[in-house]
């Protein structure tokens, strides 16, 4: 019984020591401005309309709008089967 308690306490000590190291390394190495700009660019590509190829008249639409269109198209397809 005492050995089990000692083992549990020992594991907790190791866990909290490692947790402290991880938290301190996060504070030492904050996300870079380059990473922030990449994330912002990715977010814009998912949420904005933009021209992919003007010569072929290809545009990109936001993911949310795409899901609305696909849902509407699928519901029309199901109504015609009924």
C-alpha atoms as a PDB file:
ATOM      1  CA  UNK A   1       0.000   0.000   0.000  1.00  0.00           C
ATOM      2  CA  UNK A   2       2.755   2.442   0.919  1.00  0.00           C
ATOM      3  CA  UNK A   3       4.657   1.525  -2.239  1.00  0.00           C
ATOM      4  CA  UNK A   4       1.597   2.363  -4.338  1.00  0.00           C
ATOM      5  CA  UNK A   5       1.178   5.754  -2.660  1.00  0.00           C
ATOM      6  CA  UNK A   6       4.887   6.484  -3.149  1.00  0.00           C
ATOM      7  CA  UNK A   7       4.622   5.552  -6.816  1.00  0.00           C
ATOM      8  CA  UNK A   8       1.583   7.794  -7.332  1.00  0.00           C
ATOM      9  CA  UNK A   9       3.253  10.737  -5.595  1.00  0.00           C
ATOM     10  CA  UNK A  10       6.426  10.168  -7.629  1.00  0.00           C
ATOM     11  CA  UNK A  11       4.503  10.169 -10.903  1.00  0.00           C
ATOM     12  CA  UNK A  12       2.701  13.357  -9.896  1.00  0.00           C
ATOM     13  CA  UNK A  13       6.001  15.054  -9.095  1.00  0.00           C
ATOM     14  CA  UNK A  14       7.397  14.089 -12.502  1.00  0.00           C
ATOM     15  CA  UNK A  15       4.208  15.234 -14.244  1.00  0.00           C
ATOM     16  CA  UNK A  16       4.146  18.664 -12.628  1.00  0.00           C
ATOM     17  CA  UNK A  17       7.869  19.152 -13.194  1.00  0.00           C
ATOM     18  CA  UNK A  18       7.441  18.424 -16.926  1.00  0.00           C
ATOM     19  CA  UNK A  19       4.347  20.623 -17.067  1.00  0.00           C
ATOM     20  CA  UNK A  20       6.361  23.506 -15.643  1.00  0.00           C
ATOM     21  CA  UNK A  21       9.067  22.987 -18.270  1.00  0.00           C
ATOM     22  CA  UNK A  22       6.514  22.968 -21.080  1.00  0.00           C
ATOM     23  CA  UNK A  23       4.800  26.109 -19.812  1.00  0.00           C
ATOM     24  CA  UNK A  24       8.098  27.950 -19.428  1.00  0.00           C
ATOM     25  CA  UNK A  25       9.233  26.954 -22.941  1.00  0.00           C
ATOM     26  CA  UNK A  26       5.957  28.303 -24.369  1.00  0.00           C
ATOM     27  CA  UNK A  27       6.667  31.623 -22.679  1.00  0.00           C
ATOM     28  CA  UNK A  28      10.231  31.685 -24.023  1.00  0.00           C
ATOM     29  CA  UNK A  29       9.237  30.868 -27.612  1.00  0.00           C
ATOM     30  CA  UNK A  30       6.048  32.738 -28.522  1.00  0.00           C
ATOM     31  CA  UNK A  31       4.551  32.165 -31.987  1.00  0.00           C
ATOM     32  CA  UNK A  32       6.426  34.056 -34.662  1.00  0.00           C
ATOM     33  CA  UNK A  33       4.996  36.865 -36.769  1.00  0.00           C
ATOM     34  CA  UNK A  34       5.537  34.669 -39.836  1.00  0.00           C
ATOM     35  CA  UNK A  35       3.364  31.930 -38.358  1.00  0.00           C
ATOM     36  CA  UNK A  36       0.680  34.469 -37.464  1.00  0.00           C
ATOM     37  CA  UNK A  37       0.652  35.840 -41.018  1.00  0.00           C
ATOM     38  CA  UNK A  38       0.451  32.328 -42.492  1.00  0.00           C
ATOM     39  CA  UNK A  39      -2.485  31.469 -40.252  1.00  0.00           C
ATOM     40  CA  UNK A  40      -4.238  34.708 -41.213  1.00  0.00           C
ATOM     41  CA  UNK A  41      -3.705  33.991 -44.921  1.00  0.00           C
ATOM     42  CA  UNK A  42      -5.119  30.486 -44.524  1.00  0.00           C
ATOM     43  CA  UNK A  43      -8.128  31.848 -42.667  1.00  0.00           C
ATOM     44  CA  UNK A  44      -8.768  34.397 -45.452  1.00  0.00           C
ATOM     45  CA  UNK A  45      -8.615  31.661 -48.097  1.00  0.00           C
ATOM     46  CA  UNK A  46     -11.260  29.693 -46.195  1.00  0.00           C
ATOM     47  CA  UNK A  47     -13.614  32.603 -45.538  1.00  0.00           C
ATOM     48  CA  UNK A  48     -13.297  34.999 -48.503  1.00  0.00           C
ATOM     49  CA  UNK A  49     -14.275  34.985 -52.159  1.00  0.00           C
ATOM     50  CA  UNK A  50     -11.265  35.238 -54.471  1.00  0.00           C
ATOM     51  CA  UNK A  51     -10.315  34.748 -58.107  1.00  0.00           C
ATOM     52  CA  UNK A  52      -8.356  31.559 -58.791  1.00  0.00           C
ATOM     53  CA  UNK A  53      -7.936  31.910 -62.562  1.00  0.00           C
ATOM     54  CA  UNK A  54      -9.334  35.016 -64.251  1.00  0.00           C
ATOM     55  CA  UNK A  55      -8.715  33.641 -67.767  1.00  0.00           C
ATOM     56  CA  UNK A  56     -10.887  30.597 -67.090  1.00  0.00           C
ATOM     57  CA  UNK A  57     -13.373  32.514 -64.898  1.00  0.00           C
ATOM     58  CA  UNK A  58     -12.644  30.309 -61.891  1.00  0.00           C
ATOM     59  CA  UNK A  59     -13.372  31.703 -58.457  1.00  0.00           C
ATOM     60  CA  UNK A  60     -13.161  30.286 -54.955  1.00  0.00           C
ATOM     61  CA  UNK A  61     -15.990  30.662 -52.493  1.00  0.00           C
ATOM     62  CA  UNK A  62     -15.951  30.400 -48.695  1.00  0.00           C
ATOM     63  CA  UNK A  63     -16.253  26.958 -47.167  1.00  0.00           C
ATOM     64  CA  UNK A  64     -19.429  27.931 -45.328  1.00  0.00           C
ATOM     65  CA  UNK A  65     -21.111  28.980 -48.592  1.00  0.00           C
ATOM     66  CA  UNK A  66     -19.946  25.769 -50.253  1.00  0.00           C
ATOM     67  CA  UNK A  67     -21.570  23.704 -47.502  1.00  0.00           C
ATOM     68  CA  UNK A  68     -24.831  25.657 -47.942  1.00  0.00           C
ATOM     69  CA  UNK A  69     -24.850  25.009 -51.691  1.00  0.00           C
ATOM     70  CA  UNK A  70     -24.049  21.307 -51.347  1.00  0.00           C
ATOM     71  CA  UNK A  71     -26.716  20.870 -48.680  1.00  0.00           C
ATOM     72  CA  UNK A  72     -29.309  22.606 -50.853  1.00  0.00           C
ATOM     73  CA  UNK A  73     -28.317  20.508 -53.874  1.00  0.00           C
ATOM     74  CA  UNK A  74     -28.520  17.263 -51.905  1.00  0.00           C
ATOM     75  CA  UNK A  75     -31.901  18.150 -50.420  1.00  0.00           C
ATOM     76  CA  UNK A  76     -33.311  18.859 -53.911  1.00  0.00           C
ATOM     77  CA  UNK A  77     -31.976  15.495 -55.060  1.00  0.00           C
ATOM     78  CA  UNK A  78     -33.689  13.721 -52.178  1.00  0.00           C
ATOM     79  CA  UNK A  79     -37.000  15.518 -52.809  1.00  0.00           C
ATOM     80  CA  UNK A  80     -37.065  14.290 -56.404  1.00  0.00           C
ATOM     81  CA  UNK A  81     -36.591  10.660 -55.253  1.00  0.00           C
ATOM     82  CA  UNK A  82     -39.569  10.781 -52.887  1.00  0.00           C
END
